[in-house]
Amino acid sequence: MSKKGKLGDRFALSADLLTETTPGTPLVEICGNKRVLIENHKGVTAYGESKVCVKVSYGVVCVHGTGLCLAQMTKHQLVITGCIDALALRRGGS
């Protein structure tokens, strides 16, 4: 097999591994610039039309944009919608 083929196989394998998370591990999924899904969260720490911050096990995920709205929230997942400009991770939760 050529080097190119081996590299492609390794990339495909790593891509498959990235889609599977261990139970309880936070998963952040961005859909375009209109929607963010966060699974296995620990609650909302800040909420406004321009910023929503969500606690996860390893820190805080902050979504910045305009017209942000918490469209759906359950014990395990939440969905933020609006015009998303940036997403930031602050490790440690402060």
N, C-alpha and C. Protein backbone atom coordinates (compact mmCIF):
# COMPACT_ATOMS: atom_id res chain seq x y z
N MET A 1 0.85 -1.18 0.00
CA MET A 1 0.00 0.00 0.00
C MET A 1 0.88 1.24 0.00
N SER A 2 0.49 2.25 -0.72
CA SER A 2 1.26 3.48 -0.81
C SER A 2 1.15 4.30 0.47
N LYS A 3 2.07 5.27 0.62
CA LYS A 3 2.02 6.15 1.79
C LYS A 3 0.69 6.91 1.83
N LYS A 4 0.24 7.33 0.66
CA LYS A 4 -1.00 8.09 0.58
C LYS A 4 -2.17 7.25 1.09
N GLY A 5 -2.20 5.99 0.73
CA GLY A 5 -3.26 5.09 1.17
C GLY A 5 -3.23 4.88 2.68
N LYS A 6 -2.04 4.70 3.24
CA LYS A 6 -1.91 4.50 4.68
C LYS A 6 -2.35 5.75 5.44
N LEU A 7 -1.98 6.92 4.94
CA LEU A 7 -2.35 8.16 5.58
C LEU A 7 -3.87 8.33 5.56
N GLY A 8 -4.47 8.00 4.44
CA GLY A 8 -5.93 8.08 4.31
C GLY A 8 -6.62 7.16 5.29
N ASP A 9 -6.09 5.93 5.44
CA ASP A 9 -6.67 4.98 6.39
C ASP A 9 -6.56 5.49 7.83
N ARG A 10 -5.40 6.07 8.17
CA ARG A 10 -5.22 6.60 9.52
C ARG A 10 -6.17 7.78 9.76
N PHE A 11 -6.35 8.64 8.77
CA PHE A 11 -7.26 9.77 8.92
C PHE A 11 -8.69 9.28 9.11
N ALA A 12 -9.10 8.31 8.32
CA ALA A 12 -10.46 7.77 8.43
C ALA A 12 -10.68 7.15 9.81
N LEU A 13 -9.68 6.44 10.31
CA LEU A 13 -9.78 5.82 11.63
C LEU A 13 -9.90 6.90 12.70
N SER A 14 -9.07 7.92 12.63
CA SER A 14 -9.12 8.97 13.65
C SER A 14 -10.44 9.75 13.55
N ALA A 15 -10.96 9.95 12.37
CA ALA A 15 -12.24 10.64 12.20
C ALA A 15 -13.36 9.85 12.85
N ASP A 16 -13.34 8.52 12.71
CA ASP A 16 -14.34 7.67 13.35
C ASP A 16 -14.23 7.77 14.87
N LEU A 17 -13.03 7.81 15.39
CA LEU A 17 -12.84 7.89 16.83
C LEU A 17 -13.34 9.21 17.39
N LEU A 18 -13.23 10.28 16.61
CA LEU A 18 -13.67 11.58 17.09
C LEU A 18 -15.17 11.68 17.22
N THR A 19 -15.92 10.90 16.49
CA THR A 19 -17.37 10.98 16.57
C THR A 19 -17.93 10.20 17.75
N GLU A 20 -17.12 9.37 18.38
CA GLU A 20 -17.58 8.60 19.53
C GLU A 20 -16.95 9.15 20.79
N THR A 21 -17.78 9.56 21.74
CA THR A 21 -17.25 10.05 23.00
C THR A 21 -17.54 9.05 24.10
N THR A 22 -16.74 9.11 25.13
CA THR A 22 -17.00 8.25 26.28
C THR A 22 -18.17 8.83 27.06
N PRO A 23 -18.92 8.01 27.74
CA PRO A 23 -20.08 8.51 28.49
C PRO A 23 -19.68 9.61 29.49
N GLY A 24 -20.44 10.68 29.51
CA GLY A 24 -20.18 11.78 30.41
C GLY A 24 -19.23 12.84 29.87
N THR A 25 -18.52 12.54 28.79
CA THR A 25 -17.61 13.51 28.19
C THR A 25 -18.41 14.55 27.42
N PRO A 26 -18.15 15.83 27.65
CA PRO A 26 -18.88 16.87 26.92
C PRO A 26 -18.63 16.77 25.41
N LEU A 27 -19.67 17.06 24.65
CA LEU A 27 -19.59 17.09 23.20
C LEU A 27 -20.17 18.41 22.75
N VAL A 28 -19.40 19.18 21.97
CA VAL A 28 -19.86 20.46 21.44
C VAL A 28 -19.93 20.31 19.93
N GLU A 29 -21.11 20.55 19.37
CA GLU A 29 -21.32 20.40 17.93
C GLU A 29 -21.83 21.73 17.38
N ILE A 30 -21.13 22.25 16.36
CA ILE A 30 -21.51 23.52 15.74
C ILE A 30 -22.12 23.22 14.38
N CYS A 31 -23.29 23.78 14.12
CA CYS A 31 -23.95 23.60 12.83
C CYS A 31 -24.01 24.96 12.15
N GLY A 32 -23.05 25.18 11.24
CA GLY A 32 -22.96 26.47 10.55
C GLY A 32 -22.70 27.59 11.53
N ASN A 33 -23.36 28.73 11.33
CA ASN A 33 -23.22 29.83 12.28
C ASN A 33 -24.55 30.14 12.95
N LYS A 34 -25.44 29.14 13.00
CA LYS A 34 -26.78 29.35 13.53
C LYS A 34 -27.13 28.49 14.74
N ARG A 35 -26.35 27.44 15.03
CA ARG A 35 -26.76 26.50 16.07
C ARG A 35 -25.56 25.83 16.71
N VAL A 36 -25.60 25.70 18.06
CA VAL A 36 -24.59 24.96 18.81
C VAL A 36 -25.31 23.99 19.73
N LEU A 37 -24.88 22.74 19.72
CA LEU A 37 -25.40 21.71 20.61
C LEU A 37 -24.30 21.35 21.60
N ILE A 38 -24.62 21.34 22.89
CA ILE A 38 -23.67 20.93 23.91
C ILE A 38 -24.30 19.80 24.70
N GLU A 39 -23.63 18.64 24.70
CA GLU A 39 -24.11 17.49 25.45
C GLU A 39 -23.28 17.31 26.70
N ASN A 40 -23.88 16.73 27.72
CA ASN A 40 -23.22 16.44 29.01
C ASN A 40 -22.72 17.72 29.68
N HIS A 41 -23.57 18.75 29.70
CA HIS A 41 -23.24 20.02 30.34
C HIS A 41 -23.54 19.96 31.84
N LYS A 42 -23.10 20.98 32.54
CA LYS A 42 -23.33 21.07 33.98
C LYS A 42 -24.06 22.36 34.35
N GLY A 43 -24.73 22.96 33.37
CA GLY A 43 -25.53 24.15 33.64
C GLY A 43 -25.04 25.39 32.92
N VAL A 44 -25.92 26.38 32.87
CA VAL A 44 -25.62 27.66 32.22
C VAL A 44 -25.09 28.62 33.29
N THR A 45 -23.94 29.25 33.01
CA THR A 45 -23.35 30.18 33.97
C THR A 45 -23.56 31.64 33.58
N ALA A 46 -23.83 31.92 32.33
CA ALA A 46 -24.14 33.29 31.87
C ALA A 46 -25.09 33.18 30.68
N TYR A 47 -26.05 34.10 30.63
CA TYR A 47 -27.04 34.04 29.55
C TYR A 47 -27.43 35.44 29.12
N GLY A 48 -27.27 35.73 27.85
CA GLY A 48 -27.70 37.00 27.28
C GLY A 48 -27.79 36.87 25.77
N GLU A 49 -28.28 37.91 25.12
CA GLU A 49 -28.43 37.87 23.66
C GLU A 49 -27.10 37.85 22.92
N SER A 50 -26.01 38.28 23.58
CA SER A 50 -24.71 38.31 22.91
C SER A 50 -23.72 37.28 23.44
N LYS A 51 -24.03 36.64 24.59
CA LYS A 51 -23.11 35.64 25.13
C LYS A 51 -23.88 34.63 25.98
N VAL A 52 -23.57 33.34 25.75
CA VAL A 52 -24.09 32.26 26.57
C VAL A 52 -22.91 31.41 27.00
N CYS A 53 -22.75 31.21 28.31
CA CYS A 53 -21.65 30.39 28.83
C CYS A 53 -22.23 29.16 29.51
N VAL A 54 -21.62 28.01 29.22
CA VAL A 54 -22.11 26.73 29.71
C VAL A 54 -20.98 25.99 30.39
N LYS A 55 -21.20 25.53 31.62
CA LYS A 55 -20.19 24.77 32.36
C LYS A 55 -20.15 23.35 31.83
N VAL A 56 -18.94 22.86 31.61
CA VAL A 56 -18.71 21.45 31.26
C VAL A 56 -17.65 20.92 32.22
N SER A 57 -17.38 19.64 32.19
CA SER A 57 -16.50 19.03 33.19
C SER A 57 -15.09 19.60 33.20
N TYR A 58 -14.59 20.11 32.09
CA TYR A 58 -13.22 20.59 32.02
C TYR A 58 -13.12 22.11 31.94
N GLY A 59 -14.23 22.84 32.08
CA GLY A 59 -14.19 24.28 32.02
C GLY A 59 -15.52 24.89 31.64
N VAL A 60 -15.46 25.99 30.88
CA VAL A 60 -16.67 26.70 30.46
C VAL A 60 -16.59 26.94 28.95
N VAL A 61 -17.66 26.63 28.25
CA VAL A 61 -17.78 26.90 26.82
C VAL A 61 -18.62 28.17 26.68
N CYS A 62 -18.07 29.19 26.02
CA CYS A 62 -18.78 30.46 25.81
C CYS A 62 -19.09 30.63 24.33
N VAL A 63 -20.34 30.89 24.04
CA VAL A 63 -20.79 31.15 22.68
C VAL A 63 -21.05 32.65 22.58
N HIS A 64 -20.44 33.31 21.60
CA HIS A 64 -20.60 34.75 21.39
C HIS A 64 -21.31 34.98 20.06
N GLY A 65 -22.19 35.97 20.01
CA GLY A 65 -22.90 36.28 18.78
C GLY A 65 -23.97 37.31 19.01
N THR A 66 -24.98 37.30 18.15
CA THR A 66 -26.11 38.21 18.28
C THR A 66 -27.41 37.42 18.23
N GLY A 67 -28.39 37.88 18.97
CA GLY A 67 -29.69 37.22 18.99
C GLY A 67 -29.63 35.79 19.52
N LEU A 68 -28.70 35.53 20.45
CA LEU A 68 -28.56 34.17 20.97
C LEU A 68 -29.75 33.81 21.86
N CYS A 69 -30.15 32.56 21.76
CA CYS A 69 -31.32 32.08 22.49
C CYS A 69 -31.07 30.63 22.90
N LEU A 70 -31.46 30.30 24.10
CA LEU A 70 -31.39 28.92 24.55
C LEU A 70 -32.66 28.23 24.05
N ALA A 71 -32.56 27.59 22.89
CA ALA A 71 -33.73 27.03 22.21
C ALA A 71 -34.26 25.78 22.88
N GLN A 72 -33.36 25.01 23.50
CA GLN A 72 -33.76 23.76 24.12
C GLN A 72 -32.76 23.42 25.22
N MET A 73 -33.26 22.91 26.36
CA MET A 73 -32.35 22.50 27.42
C MET A 73 -32.96 21.34 28.20
N THR A 74 -32.17 20.27 28.29
CA THR A 74 -32.54 19.14 29.14
C THR A 74 -31.38 18.91 30.10
N LYS A 75 -31.52 17.93 30.94
CA LYS A 75 -30.46 17.61 31.91
C LYS A 75 -29.15 17.26 31.22
N HIS A 76 -29.21 16.69 30.02
CA HIS A 76 -28.01 16.19 29.34
C HIS A 76 -27.55 17.02 28.15
N GLN A 77 -28.44 17.81 27.55
CA GLN A 77 -28.02 18.57 26.38
C GLN A 77 -28.76 19.89 26.29
N LEU A 78 -28.12 20.82 25.58
CA LEU A 78 -28.79 22.10 25.32
C LEU A 78 -28.43 22.57 23.92
N VAL A 79 -29.31 23.40 23.38
CA VAL A 79 -29.14 23.94 22.03
C VAL A 79 -29.22 25.46 22.11
N ILE A 80 -28.20 26.11 21.57
CA ILE A 80 -28.16 27.57 21.49
C ILE A 80 -28.31 27.94 20.02
N THR A 81 -29.23 28.87 19.74
CA THR A 81 -29.43 29.33 18.36
C THR A 81 -29.22 30.83 18.29
N GLY A 82 -29.03 31.32 17.09
CA GLY A 82 -28.80 32.75 16.85
C GLY A 82 -27.72 32.89 15.80
N CYS A 83 -27.16 34.08 15.69
CA CYS A 83 -26.06 34.32 14.76
C CYS A 83 -24.76 34.19 15.55
N ILE A 84 -24.06 33.09 15.37
CA ILE A 84 -22.88 32.76 16.17
C ILE A 84 -21.63 33.33 15.51
N ASP A 85 -20.88 34.13 16.29
CA ASP A 85 -19.65 34.74 15.81
C ASP A 85 -18.42 33.99 16.29
N ALA A 86 -18.45 33.48 17.52
CA ALA A 86 -17.26 32.83 18.09
C ALA A 86 -17.67 31.84 19.17
N LEU A 87 -16.79 30.88 19.37
CA LEU A 87 -16.96 29.88 20.41
C LEU A 87 -15.63 29.80 21.15
N ALA A 88 -15.65 29.87 22.48
CA ALA A 88 -14.41 29.85 23.25
C ALA A 88 -14.51 28.84 24.38
N LEU A 89 -13.38 28.25 24.71
CA LEU A 89 -13.28 27.31 25.82
C LEU A 89 -12.35 27.90 26.86
N ARG A 90 -12.84 28.06 28.07
CA ARG A 90 -12.00 28.49 29.19
C ARG A 90 -11.81 27.27 30.08
N ARG A 91 -10.61 26.74 30.09
CA ARG A 91 -10.33 25.57 30.93
C ARG A 91 -10.34 25.96 32.39
N GLY A 92 -10.80 25.04 33.22
CA GLY A 92 -10.81 25.27 34.65
C GLY A 92 -12.09 25.84 35.20
N GLY A 93 -12.92 26.38 34.35
CA GLY A 93 -14.25 26.81 34.76
C GLY A 93 -14.35 28.21 35.33
N SER A 94 -13.30 29.01 35.31
CA SER A 94 -13.41 30.37 35.87
C SER A 94 -13.89 31.36 34.84
